[in-house]
Amino acid sequence: MTGIRVNVRRRSAVRRAFTLIELLLVLVIIAVLAAVVVPKMANRTGDAQIKATKGSIAGIKTALEMFEVDNGRFPSTDEGLKALVDAPPGLQNWHGPYVDRANIAADPWGHEYIYRSPGSASGTGFDVFSMGPDGREGNDDITSWQ
């Protein structure tokens, strides 16, 4: 009887182990899933940065409109977006800060927001935009007039 028990134990021990083919199959499945999931997750980061930039530009746009209501004009290009945080000299009706300094500091890629007044592209009296991920003016810019 002991011989039978030994055989049973050996068979069950063999059954518990994975074969090389099973291990390779699992590795292939994991590699395929990683090849599909990782690029999609990486793309989400870019989408999130674009959405954050659009939100920041919308906030800056609102702050510029509040500045204009109080002062009768938009900040000049020379005054820039800093006029939303610190009062430019000579403005009696400045009731800011209109926006938090962090919101005008830089876009998610670390580039400064571009502000121009009078604006040429937006038709609103000012242009505010981010140069996007590449840091150069071009087709990937995120603008206040889109």
Protein backbone atom coordinates (compact mmCIF):
# COMPACT_ATOMS: atom_id res chain seq x y z
CA MET A 1 0.00 0.00 0.00
CA THR A 2 2.79 2.37 0.59
CA GLY A 3 3.90 2.02 -2.99
CA ILE A 4 0.53 3.19 -4.19
CA ARG A 5 0.61 6.24 -1.98
CA VAL A 6 4.02 7.22 -3.27
CA ASN A 7 2.79 7.07 -6.86
CA VAL A 8 -0.25 9.15 -5.99
CA ARG A 9 1.93 11.76 -4.35
CA ARG A 10 4.29 11.90 -7.31
CA ARG A 11 1.42 12.29 -9.77
CA SER A 12 -0.20 15.08 -7.73
CA ALA A 13 3.14 16.87 -7.40
CA VAL A 14 3.57 16.75 -11.17
CA ARG A 15 0.03 17.97 -11.71
CA ARG A 16 0.60 21.03 -9.50
CA ALA A 17 3.55 22.33 -11.49
CA PHE A 18 3.20 24.46 -14.64
CA THR A 19 4.74 23.32 -17.87
CA LEU A 20 7.11 25.52 -19.80
CA ILE A 21 4.49 25.96 -22.53
CA GLU A 22 1.90 27.17 -20.00
CA LEU A 23 4.36 29.68 -18.55
CA LEU A 24 5.27 30.96 -22.01
CA LEU A 25 1.60 31.28 -22.91
CA VAL A 26 0.96 33.39 -19.79
CA LEU A 27 3.95 35.61 -20.60
CA VAL A 28 2.71 36.10 -24.17
CA ILE A 29 -0.74 37.07 -22.91
CA ILE A 30 0.75 39.57 -20.45
CA ALA A 31 2.97 41.05 -23.17
CA VAL A 32 0.01 41.46 -25.55
CA LEU A 33 -2.07 43.15 -22.85
CA ALA A 34 0.81 45.47 -21.97
CA ALA A 35 1.31 46.36 -25.63
CA VAL A 36 -2.35 47.37 -25.87
CA VAL A 37 -2.85 49.06 -22.48
CA VAL A 38 0.38 51.05 -22.01
CA PRO A 39 0.05 53.22 -25.15
CA LYS A 40 -3.57 53.99 -24.27
CA MET A 41 -2.57 55.06 -20.77
CA ALA A 42 0.27 57.19 -22.11
CA ASN A 43 -2.14 58.89 -24.50
CA ARG A 44 -4.43 59.73 -21.58
CA THR A 45 -1.69 61.87 -20.06
CA GLY A 46 -1.53 63.99 -23.20
CA ASP A 47 -5.31 64.30 -23.29
CA ALA A 48 -5.36 65.37 -19.63
CA GLN A 49 -2.71 68.03 -20.28
CA ILE A 50 -4.70 69.42 -23.21
CA LYS A 51 -7.92 69.51 -21.14
CA ALA A 52 -6.11 71.21 -18.25
CA THR A 53 -4.71 73.82 -20.63
CA LYS A 54 -8.14 74.50 -22.12
CA GLY A 55 -9.52 74.95 -18.60
CA SER A 56 -6.72 77.32 -17.64
CA ILE A 57 -7.21 79.39 -20.78
CA ALA A 58 -10.96 79.60 -20.08
CA GLY A 59 -10.17 80.87 -16.57
CA ILE A 60 -7.69 83.40 -17.91
CA LYS A 61 -10.23 84.54 -20.48
CA THR A 62 -12.84 85.11 -17.74
CA ALA A 63 -10.30 87.00 -15.62
CA LEU A 64 -9.40 89.22 -18.60
CA GLU A 65 -13.08 90.03 -19.14
CA MET A 66 -13.45 90.97 -15.45
CA PHE A 67 -10.34 93.17 -15.74
CA GLU A 68 -11.90 94.87 -18.76
CA VAL A 69 -15.21 95.50 -16.95
CA ASP A 70 -13.38 97.15 -14.02
CA ASN A 71 -10.83 99.14 -16.02
CA GLY A 72 -12.49 99.79 -19.37
CA ARG A 73 -9.71 98.05 -21.27
CA PHE A 74 -7.78 94.82 -21.50
CA PRO A 75 -4.19 94.70 -20.25
CA SER A 76 -1.70 95.71 -22.92
CA THR A 77 0.64 93.14 -24.39
CA ASP A 78 3.46 94.75 -22.40
CA GLU A 79 1.50 94.50 -19.12
CA GLY A 80 0.69 90.91 -19.99
CA LEU A 81 -1.17 88.44 -17.83
CA LYS A 82 0.69 89.74 -14.77
CA ALA A 83 -1.81 92.63 -14.80
CA LEU A 84 -4.40 90.11 -13.61
CA VAL A 85 -2.40 89.48 -10.43
CA ASP A 86 -0.56 92.77 -9.78
CA ALA A 87 -2.12 96.16 -10.49
CA PRO A 88 -0.48 98.03 -13.36
CA PRO A 89 0.41 101.63 -12.49
CA GLY A 90 -2.29 104.24 -13.00
CA LEU A 91 -5.38 102.02 -12.81
CA GLN A 92 -7.86 103.39 -10.26
CA ASN A 93 -10.53 100.69 -10.66
CA TRP A 94 -8.31 97.62 -10.49
CA HIS A 95 -10.07 95.20 -8.10
CA GLY A 96 -7.85 92.16 -8.47
CA PRO A 97 -6.23 89.85 -8.26
CA TYR A 98 -8.50 88.41 -10.90
CA VAL A 99 -6.76 85.05 -11.05
CA ASP A 100 -4.31 83.06 -8.96
CA ARG A 101 -0.67 83.54 -9.96
CA ALA A 102 -0.31 79.78 -10.47
CA ASN A 103 -2.98 79.83 -13.20
CA ILE A 104 -0.97 82.16 -15.40
CA ALA A 105 2.50 80.85 -14.58
CA ALA A 106 2.89 78.10 -17.18
CA ASP A 107 0.98 75.49 -19.15
CA PRO A 108 1.33 71.78 -18.27
CA TRP A 109 4.41 71.53 -20.53
CA GLY A 110 6.19 74.33 -18.65
CA HIS A 111 5.78 77.02 -21.34
CA GLU A 112 4.41 80.47 -20.61
CA TYR A 113 0.96 81.34 -21.91
CA ILE A 114 1.10 83.83 -24.77
CA TYR A 115 -1.04 86.97 -24.42
CA ARG A 116 -1.50 89.60 -27.11
CA SER A 117 -3.69 92.69 -26.99
CA PRO A 118 -5.09 93.78 -29.28
CA GLY A 119 -5.68 90.27 -30.53
CA SER A 120 -5.71 89.40 -34.18
CA ALA A 121 -7.05 85.84 -34.22
CA SER A 122 -9.81 85.80 -31.63
CA GLY A 123 -11.88 88.86 -32.53
CA THR A 124 -12.36 89.55 -28.79
CA GLY A 125 -9.70 92.18 -28.22
CA PHE A 126 -7.08 89.73 -26.99
CA ASP A 127 -5.47 86.44 -27.86
CA VAL A 128 -4.42 83.92 -25.19
CA PHE A 129 -2.86 80.63 -26.14
CA SER A 130 -0.48 77.86 -25.23
CA MET A 131 2.07 76.69 -27.75
CA GLY A 132 1.22 73.11 -26.84
CA PRO A 133 3.55 70.17 -26.23
CA ASP A 134 6.22 71.20 -28.73
CA GLY A 135 6.65 74.75 -27.35
CA ARG A 136 6.42 76.37 -30.79
CA GLU A 137 3.59 78.19 -32.49
CA GLY A 138 1.88 75.85 -34.89
CA ASN A 139 -1.05 73.54 -35.46
CA ASP A 140 -0.98 72.01 -31.97
CA ASP A 141 -1.54 75.34 -30.18
CA ILE A 142 -4.37 75.52 -27.68
CA THR A 143 -6.10 78.87 -28.05
CA SER A 144 -8.80 81.05 -26.48
CA TRP A 145 -10.60 81.38 -29.81
CA GLN A 146 -11.14 77.73 -30.71
